[in-house]
């Protein structure tokens, strides 16, 4: 079961969390609507390549990445969206596209949108398209140690 590794990690560190089950949903906006969670509170994990190196970008469901700004902030040659076939093997216990934003469990750098830091809690996919985890943003920050950058803007689609 995909969520087992994450729950074990959280439990071993005595991190308080809530599991939220919902009907199958595949986009961040669908998940937010199905689970009755504001799009700004639901974090989506987007796999990116930074000069061909895999990393995670974590942003609110209702936001999109500005790749030009991210490239400039990171001072790299190229930042692009990764294709599923390029990262699915990194997360063998997770359904494709439902990986949690705990890059530290997979030896990946994590970049978090500054807009996510504003909330008290963070909610994210727990490795499946039917289960979410909610925990305090402070715990997420303390254990994942992501780099916080301003690289997103609200989606108007």
C-alpha atoms as a PDB file:
ATOM      1  CA  UNK A   1       0.000   0.000   0.000  1.00  0.00           C
ATOM      2  CA  UNK A   2       1.522   3.362  -1.098  1.00  0.00           C
ATOM      3  CA  UNK A   3       0.657   5.356   2.002  1.00  0.00           C
ATOM      4  CA  UNK A   4       2.437   2.971   4.381  1.00  0.00           C
ATOM      5  CA  UNK A   5       5.938   4.455   3.909  1.00  0.00           C
ATOM      6  CA  UNK A   6       4.704   7.986   4.515  1.00  0.00           C
ATOM      7  CA  UNK A   7       2.586   7.101   7.555  1.00  0.00           C
ATOM      8  CA  UNK A   8       5.505   5.161   9.036  1.00  0.00           C
ATOM      9  CA  UNK A   9       7.753   8.188   8.556  1.00  0.00           C
ATOM     10  CA  UNK A  10       5.204  10.502  10.197  1.00  0.00           C
ATOM     11  CA  UNK A  11       4.426   8.097  13.049  1.00  0.00           C
ATOM     12  CA  UNK A  12       8.111   7.502  13.871  1.00  0.00           C
ATOM     13  CA  UNK A  13       8.534  11.258  14.290  1.00  0.00           C
ATOM     14  CA  UNK A  14       5.284  11.661  16.262  1.00  0.00           C
ATOM     15  CA  UNK A  15       3.892  14.061  13.656  1.00  0.00           C
ATOM     16  CA  UNK A  16       0.146  14.594  14.009  1.00  0.00           C
ATOM     17  CA  UNK A  17      -1.796  14.143  10.763  1.00  0.00           C
ATOM     18  CA  UNK A  18      -5.254  13.385   9.438  1.00  0.00           C
ATOM     19  CA  UNK A  19      -6.035  10.995   6.592  1.00  0.00           C
ATOM     20  CA  UNK A  20      -8.802  12.080   4.216  1.00  0.00           C
ATOM     21  CA  UNK A  21     -10.391   9.555   1.869  1.00  0.00           C
ATOM     22  CA  UNK A  22     -12.263  10.705  -1.230  1.00  0.00           C
ATOM     23  CA  UNK A  23     -13.595   9.263  -4.471  1.00  0.00           C
ATOM     24  CA  UNK A  24     -11.096   8.910  -7.323  1.00  0.00           C
ATOM     25  CA  UNK A  25      -9.865  12.229  -8.678  1.00  0.00           C
ATOM     26  CA  UNK A  26      -6.799  12.901 -10.785  1.00  0.00           C
ATOM     27  CA  UNK A  27      -6.273  16.642 -11.098  1.00  0.00           C
ATOM     28  CA  UNK A  28      -5.522  18.869  -8.121  1.00  0.00           C
ATOM     29  CA  UNK A  29      -8.634  20.952  -8.773  1.00  0.00           C
ATOM     30  CA  UNK A  30     -10.833  17.810  -8.944  1.00  0.00           C
ATOM     31  CA  UNK A  31      -9.316  16.517  -5.708  1.00  0.00           C
ATOM     32  CA  UNK A  32      -9.913  19.842  -3.942  1.00  0.00           C
ATOM     33  CA  UNK A  33     -13.556  19.854  -5.060  1.00  0.00           C
ATOM     34  CA  UNK A  34     -14.146  16.169  -4.225  1.00  0.00           C
ATOM     35  CA  UNK A  35     -12.545  16.457  -0.777  1.00  0.00           C
ATOM     36  CA  UNK A  36     -14.126  19.890  -0.087  1.00  0.00           C
ATOM     37  CA  UNK A  37     -10.748  21.536   0.485  1.00  0.00           C
ATOM     38  CA  UNK A  38      -9.919  25.064  -0.730  1.00  0.00           C
ATOM     39  CA  UNK A  39      -7.604  24.932  -3.780  1.00  0.00           C
ATOM     40  CA  UNK A  40      -5.096  27.172  -2.022  1.00  0.00           C
ATOM     41  CA  UNK A  41      -4.794  24.684   0.874  1.00  0.00           C
ATOM     42  CA  UNK A  42      -4.328  21.578  -1.293  1.00  0.00           C
ATOM     43  CA  UNK A  43      -0.715  21.166  -2.357  1.00  0.00           C
ATOM     44  CA  UNK A  44       0.057  19.541  -5.675  1.00  0.00           C
ATOM     45  CA  UNK A  45       3.421  17.950  -6.307  1.00  0.00           C
ATOM     46  CA  UNK A  46       4.791  18.671  -9.763  1.00  0.00           C
ATOM     47  CA  UNK A  47       7.880  16.846 -10.960  1.00  0.00           C
ATOM     48  CA  UNK A  48      10.357  19.103 -12.718  1.00  0.00           C
ATOM     49  CA  UNK A  49      13.796  18.743 -14.261  1.00  0.00           C
ATOM     50  CA  UNK A  50      16.424  21.318 -13.340  1.00  0.00           C
ATOM     51  CA  UNK A  51      19.261  21.001 -15.863  1.00  0.00           C
ATOM     52  CA  UNK A  52      18.131  17.351 -16.317  1.00  0.00           C
ATOM     53  CA  UNK A  53      18.122  16.715 -12.523  1.00  0.00           C
ATOM     54  CA  UNK A  54      14.758  15.586 -11.103  1.00  0.00           C
ATOM     55  CA  UNK A  55      13.146  17.675  -8.319  1.00  0.00           C
ATOM     56  CA  UNK A  56       9.739  18.413  -6.795  1.00  0.00           C
ATOM     57  CA  UNK A  57       7.839  21.674  -7.038  1.00  0.00           C
ATOM     58  CA  UNK A  58       5.032  21.972  -4.490  1.00  0.00           C
ATOM     59  CA  UNK A  59       2.339  24.572  -5.015  1.00  0.00           C
ATOM     60  CA  UNK A  60      -1.333  25.233  -4.274  1.00  0.00           C
ATOM     61  CA  UNK A  61      -3.798  23.371  -6.512  1.00  0.00           C
ATOM     62  CA  UNK A  62      -5.131  26.667  -7.840  1.00  0.00           C
ATOM     63  CA  UNK A  63      -1.687  27.937  -8.917  1.00  0.00           C
ATOM     64  CA  UNK A  64       0.680  27.265 -11.822  1.00  0.00           C
ATOM     65  CA  UNK A  65       4.473  27.341 -12.097  1.00  0.00           C
ATOM     66  CA  UNK A  66       6.160  30.245 -13.867  1.00  0.00           C
ATOM     67  CA  UNK A  67       9.095  28.324 -15.327  1.00  0.00           C
ATOM     68  CA  UNK A  68      10.947  31.484 -16.431  1.00  0.00           C
ATOM     69  CA  UNK A  69      10.919  32.900 -12.899  1.00  0.00           C
ATOM     70  CA  UNK A  70      11.916  29.539 -11.387  1.00  0.00           C
ATOM     71  CA  UNK A  71      14.812  29.202 -13.832  1.00  0.00           C
ATOM     72  CA  UNK A  72      15.986  32.701 -12.969  1.00  0.00           C
ATOM     73  CA  UNK A  73      15.719  32.079  -9.200  1.00  0.00           C
ATOM     74  CA  UNK A  74      17.631  28.803  -9.426  1.00  0.00           C
ATOM     75  CA  UNK A  75      20.278  30.257 -11.731  1.00  0.00           C
ATOM     76  CA  UNK A  76      20.190  27.223 -13.993  1.00  0.00           C
ATOM     77  CA  UNK A  77      20.165  26.720 -17.750  1.00  0.00           C
ATOM     78  CA  UNK A  78      16.877  24.852 -18.022  1.00  0.00           C
ATOM     79  CA  UNK A  79      13.791  24.081 -15.910  1.00  0.00           C
ATOM     80  CA  UNK A  80      11.022  22.009 -17.429  1.00  0.00           C
ATOM     81  CA  UNK A  81       8.120  19.781 -16.579  1.00  0.00           C
ATOM     82  CA  UNK A  82       9.105  16.112 -16.240  1.00  0.00           C
ATOM     83  CA  UNK A  83       7.142  13.434 -18.088  1.00  0.00           C
ATOM     84  CA  UNK A  84       5.522  10.633 -16.077  1.00  0.00           C
ATOM     85  CA  UNK A  85       7.704   7.951 -17.685  1.00  0.00           C
ATOM     86  CA  UNK A  86      10.781   9.839 -16.423  1.00  0.00           C
ATOM     87  CA  UNK A  87       9.816   9.707 -12.739  1.00  0.00           C
ATOM     88  CA  UNK A  88       7.347   6.865 -12.194  1.00  0.00           C
ATOM     89  CA  UNK A  89      10.134   4.460 -11.133  1.00  0.00           C
ATOM     90  CA  UNK A  90      11.278   6.867  -8.397  1.00  0.00           C
ATOM     91  CA  UNK A  91       7.954   6.282  -6.604  1.00  0.00           C
ATOM     92  CA  UNK A  92       7.306   2.540  -6.984  1.00  0.00           C
ATOM     93  CA  UNK A  93       4.803   2.469  -4.116  1.00  0.00           C
ATOM     94  CA  UNK A  94       2.774   5.413  -5.416  1.00  0.00           C
ATOM     95  CA  UNK A  95       0.189   5.732  -8.130  1.00  0.00           C
ATOM     96  CA  UNK A  96       1.628   7.844 -10.952  1.00  0.00           C
ATOM     97  CA  UNK A  97       0.909  11.497 -10.280  1.00  0.00           C
ATOM     98  CA  UNK A  98      -0.108  10.963  -6.633  1.00  0.00           C
ATOM     99  CA  UNK A  99       3.294  11.162  -4.940  1.00  0.00           C
ATOM    100  CA  UNK A 100       3.470  13.058  -1.646  1.00  0.00           C
ATOM    101  CA  UNK A 101       5.692  16.160  -1.453  1.00  0.00           C
ATOM    102  CA  UNK A 102       8.218  14.435   0.803  1.00  0.00           C
ATOM    103  CA  UNK A 103      11.203  14.573  -1.535  1.00  0.00           C
ATOM    104  CA  UNK A 104      13.462  13.777   1.415  1.00  0.00           C
ATOM    105  CA  UNK A 105      12.067  10.203   1.339  1.00  0.00           C
ATOM    106  CA  UNK A 106      13.217   9.872  -2.287  1.00  0.00           C
ATOM    107  CA  UNK A 107      16.470  11.897  -2.253  1.00  0.00           C
ATOM    108  CA  UNK A 108      14.890  14.736  -4.210  1.00  0.00           C
ATOM    109  CA  UNK A 109      15.139  18.482  -3.725  1.00  0.00           C
ATOM    110  CA  UNK A 110      11.823  20.131  -2.878  1.00  0.00           C
ATOM    111  CA  UNK A 111      10.885  23.673  -3.895  1.00  0.00           C
ATOM    112  CA  UNK A 112       7.767  25.092  -2.251  1.00  0.00           C
ATOM    113  CA  UNK A 113       5.765  28.017  -3.532  1.00  0.00           C
ATOM    114  CA  UNK A 114       5.784  30.932  -1.144  1.00  0.00           C
ATOM    115  CA  UNK A 115       1.973  31.008  -1.449  1.00  0.00           C
ATOM    116  CA  UNK A 116       1.699  27.667   0.403  1.00  0.00           C
ATOM    117  CA  UNK A 117       3.582  28.944   3.434  1.00  0.00           C
ATOM    118  CA  UNK A 118       0.752  31.336   4.310  1.00  0.00           C
ATOM    119  CA  UNK A 119      -1.539  28.551   5.579  1.00  0.00           C
ATOM    120  CA  UNK A 120      -1.508  26.754   8.917  1.00  0.00           C
ATOM    121  CA  UNK A 121      -1.997  23.304   7.353  1.00  0.00           C
ATOM    122  CA  UNK A 122      -0.992  21.552   4.172  1.00  0.00           C
ATOM    123  CA  UNK A 123      -3.011  18.815   2.444  1.00  0.00           C
ATOM    124  CA  UNK A 124      -1.506  16.575  -0.240  1.00  0.00           C
ATOM    125  CA  UNK A 125      -1.831  13.265  -2.076  1.00  0.00           C
ATOM    126  CA  UNK A 126      -0.704  10.335   0.031  1.00  0.00           C
ATOM    127  CA  UNK A 127       0.425   8.115  -2.836  1.00  0.00           C
ATOM    128  CA  UNK A 128      -3.012   7.281  -4.229  1.00  0.00           C
ATOM    129  CA  UNK A 129      -5.741   9.106  -6.110  1.00  0.00           C
ATOM    130  CA  UNK A 130      -8.192   8.453  -3.252  1.00  0.00           C
ATOM    131  CA  UNK A 131      -6.315   9.463  -0.103  1.00  0.00           C
ATOM    132  CA  UNK A 132      -4.929  12.716   1.252  1.00  0.00           C
ATOM    133  CA  UNK A 133      -2.880  13.634   4.304  1.00  0.00           C
ATOM    134  CA  UNK A 134      -3.316  16.870   6.232  1.00  0.00           C
ATOM    135  CA  UNK A 135      -0.689  18.081   8.682  1.00  0.00           C
ATOM    136  CA  UNK A 136       0.616  21.370   9.965  1.00  0.00           C
ATOM    137  CA  UNK A 137       2.694  23.334   7.503  1.00  0.00           C
ATOM    138  CA  UNK A 138       5.226  23.836  10.291  1.00  0.00           C
ATOM    139  CA  UNK A 139       5.777  20.056  10.601  1.00  0.00           C
ATOM    140  CA  UNK A 140       6.077  19.740   6.837  1.00  0.00           C
ATOM    141  CA  UNK A 141       8.659  22.546   6.775  1.00  0.00           C
ATOM    142  CA  UNK A 142      10.639  21.091   9.677  1.00  0.00           C
ATOM    143  CA  UNK A 143      10.905  17.560   8.307  1.00  0.00           C
ATOM    144  CA  UNK A 144      11.103  18.097   4.550  1.00  0.00           C
ATOM    145  CA  UNK A 145      13.217  21.280   4.717  1.00  0.00           C
ATOM    146  CA  UNK A 146      12.115  22.571   1.311  1.00  0.00           C
ATOM    147  CA  UNK A 147      13.472  25.660  -0.368  1.00  0.00           C
ATOM    148  CA  UNK A 148      10.779  28.347  -0.369  1.00  0.00           C
ATOM    149  CA  UNK A 149      10.618  30.483  -3.493  1.00  0.00           C
ATOM    150  CA  UNK A 150       8.136  32.759  -5.254  1.00  0.00           C
ATOM    151  CA  UNK A 151       7.705  30.919  -8.570  1.00  0.00           C
ATOM    152  CA  UNK A 152       3.938  30.555  -9.023  1.00  0.00           C
ATOM    153  CA  UNK A 153       0.878  32.572  -9.842  1.00  0.00           C
ATOM    154  CA  UNK A 154      -2.844  31.931  -9.587  1.00  0.00           C
ATOM    155  CA  UNK A 155      -4.323  29.932 -12.444  1.00  0.00           C
ATOM    156  CA  UNK A 156      -7.161  31.629 -14.268  1.00  0.00           C
ATOM    157  CA  UNK A 157      -8.155  28.576 -16.287  1.00  0.00           C
END
